[in-house]
Amino acid sequence: MKLIAIGESFKNIDKITNGELLINYPEIEWKKIKGIRDFMAHHYFDIDPDVIFDICKNKINMLYKVTKKIKNDL
């Protein structure tokens, strides 16, 4: 559920900033971050737990670091 919330939050941030904020941080695949929400909410029977585990283990840390950077830059 937290990945859904993260995806939804970044989707909203992108919308509020007219797509002009997140593009400044290309080290993150924003399209995938925003898309995970839709996929998990609407295709939950197709979710691969290994993919979710990989995201949580290997990708969230970078997203956290970039989110902190965005906050500091603002």
C-alpha atoms as a PDB file:
ATOM      1  CA  MET A   1       0.000   0.000   0.000  1.00  0.00           C
ATOM      2  CA  LYS A   2       2.873   2.368   0.655  1.00  0.00           C
ATOM      3  CA  LEU A   3       4.106   1.966  -2.909  1.00  0.00           C
ATOM      4  CA  ILE A   4       0.644   2.931  -4.103  1.00  0.00           C
ATOM      5  CA  ALA A   5       0.770   6.037  -1.887  1.00  0.00           C
ATOM      6  CA  ILE A   6       4.259   6.929  -3.132  1.00  0.00           C
ATOM      7  CA  GLY A   7       3.208   6.574  -6.750  1.00  0.00           C
ATOM      8  CA  GLU A   8       0.068   8.627  -6.200  1.00  0.00           C
ATOM      9  CA  SER A   9       2.007  11.336  -4.372  1.00  0.00           C
ATOM     10  CA  PHE A  10       4.553  11.762  -7.133  1.00  0.00           C
ATOM     11  CA  LYS A  11       1.787  11.693  -9.712  1.00  0.00           C
ATOM     12  CA  ASN A  12       0.152  14.610  -7.865  1.00  0.00           C
ATOM     13  CA  ILE A  13       3.432  16.492  -7.496  1.00  0.00           C
ATOM     14  CA  ASP A  14       4.038  16.147 -11.214  1.00  0.00           C
ATOM     15  CA  LYS A  15       0.536  17.399 -11.959  1.00  0.00           C
ATOM     16  CA  ILE A  16       0.776  20.367  -9.571  1.00  0.00           C
ATOM     17  CA  THR A  17       4.129  21.419 -11.037  1.00  0.00           C
ATOM     18  CA  ASN A  18       2.906  20.995 -14.624  1.00  0.00           C
ATOM     19  CA  GLY A  19       5.552  18.354 -15.234  1.00  0.00           C
ATOM     20  CA  GLU A  20       8.372  20.831 -14.635  1.00  0.00           C
ATOM     21  CA  LEU A  21       9.846  19.610 -11.342  1.00  0.00           C
ATOM     22  CA  LEU A  22      10.544  15.902 -11.623  1.00  0.00           C
ATOM     23  CA  ILE A  23      12.238  16.209 -15.016  1.00  0.00           C
ATOM     24  CA  ASN A  24      15.084  17.960 -13.189  1.00  0.00           C
ATOM     25  CA  TYR A  25      15.910  14.669 -11.462  1.00  0.00           C
ATOM     26  CA  PRO A  26      16.465  12.178 -14.290  1.00  0.00           C
ATOM     27  CA  GLU A  27      18.159   9.612 -12.071  1.00  0.00           C
ATOM     28  CA  ILE A  28      14.679   8.366 -11.161  1.00  0.00           C
ATOM     29  CA  GLU A  29      12.352   6.679 -13.638  1.00  0.00           C
ATOM     30  CA  TRP A  30       9.372   8.866 -12.746  1.00  0.00           C
ATOM     31  CA  LYS A  31       7.054   7.271 -15.265  1.00  0.00           C
ATOM     32  CA  LYS A  32       7.533   3.914 -13.544  1.00  0.00           C
ATOM     33  CA  ILE A  33       7.127   5.431 -10.070  1.00  0.00           C
ATOM     34  CA  LYS A  34       3.861   7.053 -11.069  1.00  0.00           C
ATOM     35  CA  GLY A  35       2.723   3.974 -12.967  1.00  0.00           C
ATOM     36  CA  ILE A  36       3.261   1.526 -10.114  1.00  0.00           C
ATOM     37  CA  ARG A  37       0.239   3.001  -8.368  1.00  0.00           C
ATOM     38  CA  ASP A  38      -2.076   2.293 -11.268  1.00  0.00           C
ATOM     39  CA  PHE A  39      -0.685  -1.170 -11.824  1.00  0.00           C
ATOM     40  CA  MET A  40      -0.904  -2.215  -8.193  1.00  0.00           C
ATOM     41  CA  ALA A  41      -4.369  -0.728  -7.723  1.00  0.00           C
ATOM     42  CA  HIS A  42      -5.909  -2.143 -10.885  1.00  0.00           C
ATOM     43  CA  HIS A  43      -3.911  -5.275 -11.743  1.00  0.00           C
ATOM     44  CA  TYR A  44      -3.251  -6.694  -8.300  1.00  0.00           C
ATOM     45  CA  PHE A  45      -3.675 -10.286  -9.467  1.00  0.00           C
ATOM     46  CA  ASP A  46      -0.781  -9.762 -11.883  1.00  0.00           C
ATOM     47  CA  ILE A  47       1.632  -8.411  -9.278  1.00  0.00           C
ATOM     48  CA  ASP A  48       4.908 -10.298  -9.120  1.00  0.00           C
ATOM     49  CA  PRO A  49       6.045 -10.333  -5.474  1.00  0.00           C
ATOM     50  CA  ASP A  50       9.684 -10.649  -6.562  1.00  0.00           C
ATOM     51  CA  VAL A  51       9.412  -7.379  -8.497  1.00  0.00           C
ATOM     52  CA  ILE A  52       7.846  -5.632  -5.506  1.00  0.00           C
ATOM     53  CA  PHE A  53      10.554  -7.036  -3.236  1.00  0.00           C
ATOM     54  CA  ASP A  54      13.245  -5.805  -5.644  1.00  0.00           C
ATOM     55  CA  ILE A  55      11.724  -2.331  -5.683  1.00  0.00           C
ATOM     56  CA  CYS A  56      11.624  -2.199  -1.893  1.00  0.00           C
ATOM     57  CA  LYS A  57      15.114  -3.616  -1.445  1.00  0.00           C
ATOM     58  CA  ASN A  58      17.028  -1.932  -4.270  1.00  0.00           C
ATOM     59  CA  LYS A  59      15.179   1.139  -5.505  1.00  0.00           C
ATOM     60  CA  ILE A  60      13.449   2.859  -2.592  1.00  0.00           C
ATOM     61  CA  ASN A  61      16.712   4.111  -1.095  1.00  0.00           C
ATOM     62  CA  MET A  62      17.584   6.071  -4.246  1.00  0.00           C
ATOM     63  CA  LEU A  63      14.062   7.474  -4.409  1.00  0.00           C
ATOM     64  CA  TYR A  64      14.389   8.572  -0.780  1.00  0.00           C
ATOM     65  CA  LYS A  65      17.713  10.302  -1.470  1.00  0.00           C
ATOM     66  CA  VAL A  66      16.353  12.109  -4.521  1.00  0.00           C
ATOM     67  CA  THR A  67      13.208  13.105  -2.633  1.00  0.00           C
ATOM     68  CA  LYS A  68      15.372  14.651   0.081  1.00  0.00           C
ATOM     69  CA  LYS A  69      17.360  16.458  -2.617  1.00  0.00           C
ATOM     70  CA  ILE A  70      14.166  17.819  -4.163  1.00  0.00           C
ATOM     71  CA  LYS A  71      13.033  19.046  -0.749  1.00  0.00           C
ATOM     72  CA  ASN A  72      16.370  20.746  -0.119  1.00  0.00           C
ATOM     73  CA  ASP A  73      16.375  22.319  -3.575  1.00  0.00           C
ATOM     74  CA  LEU A  74      12.965  23.838  -2.963  1.00  0.00           C
END
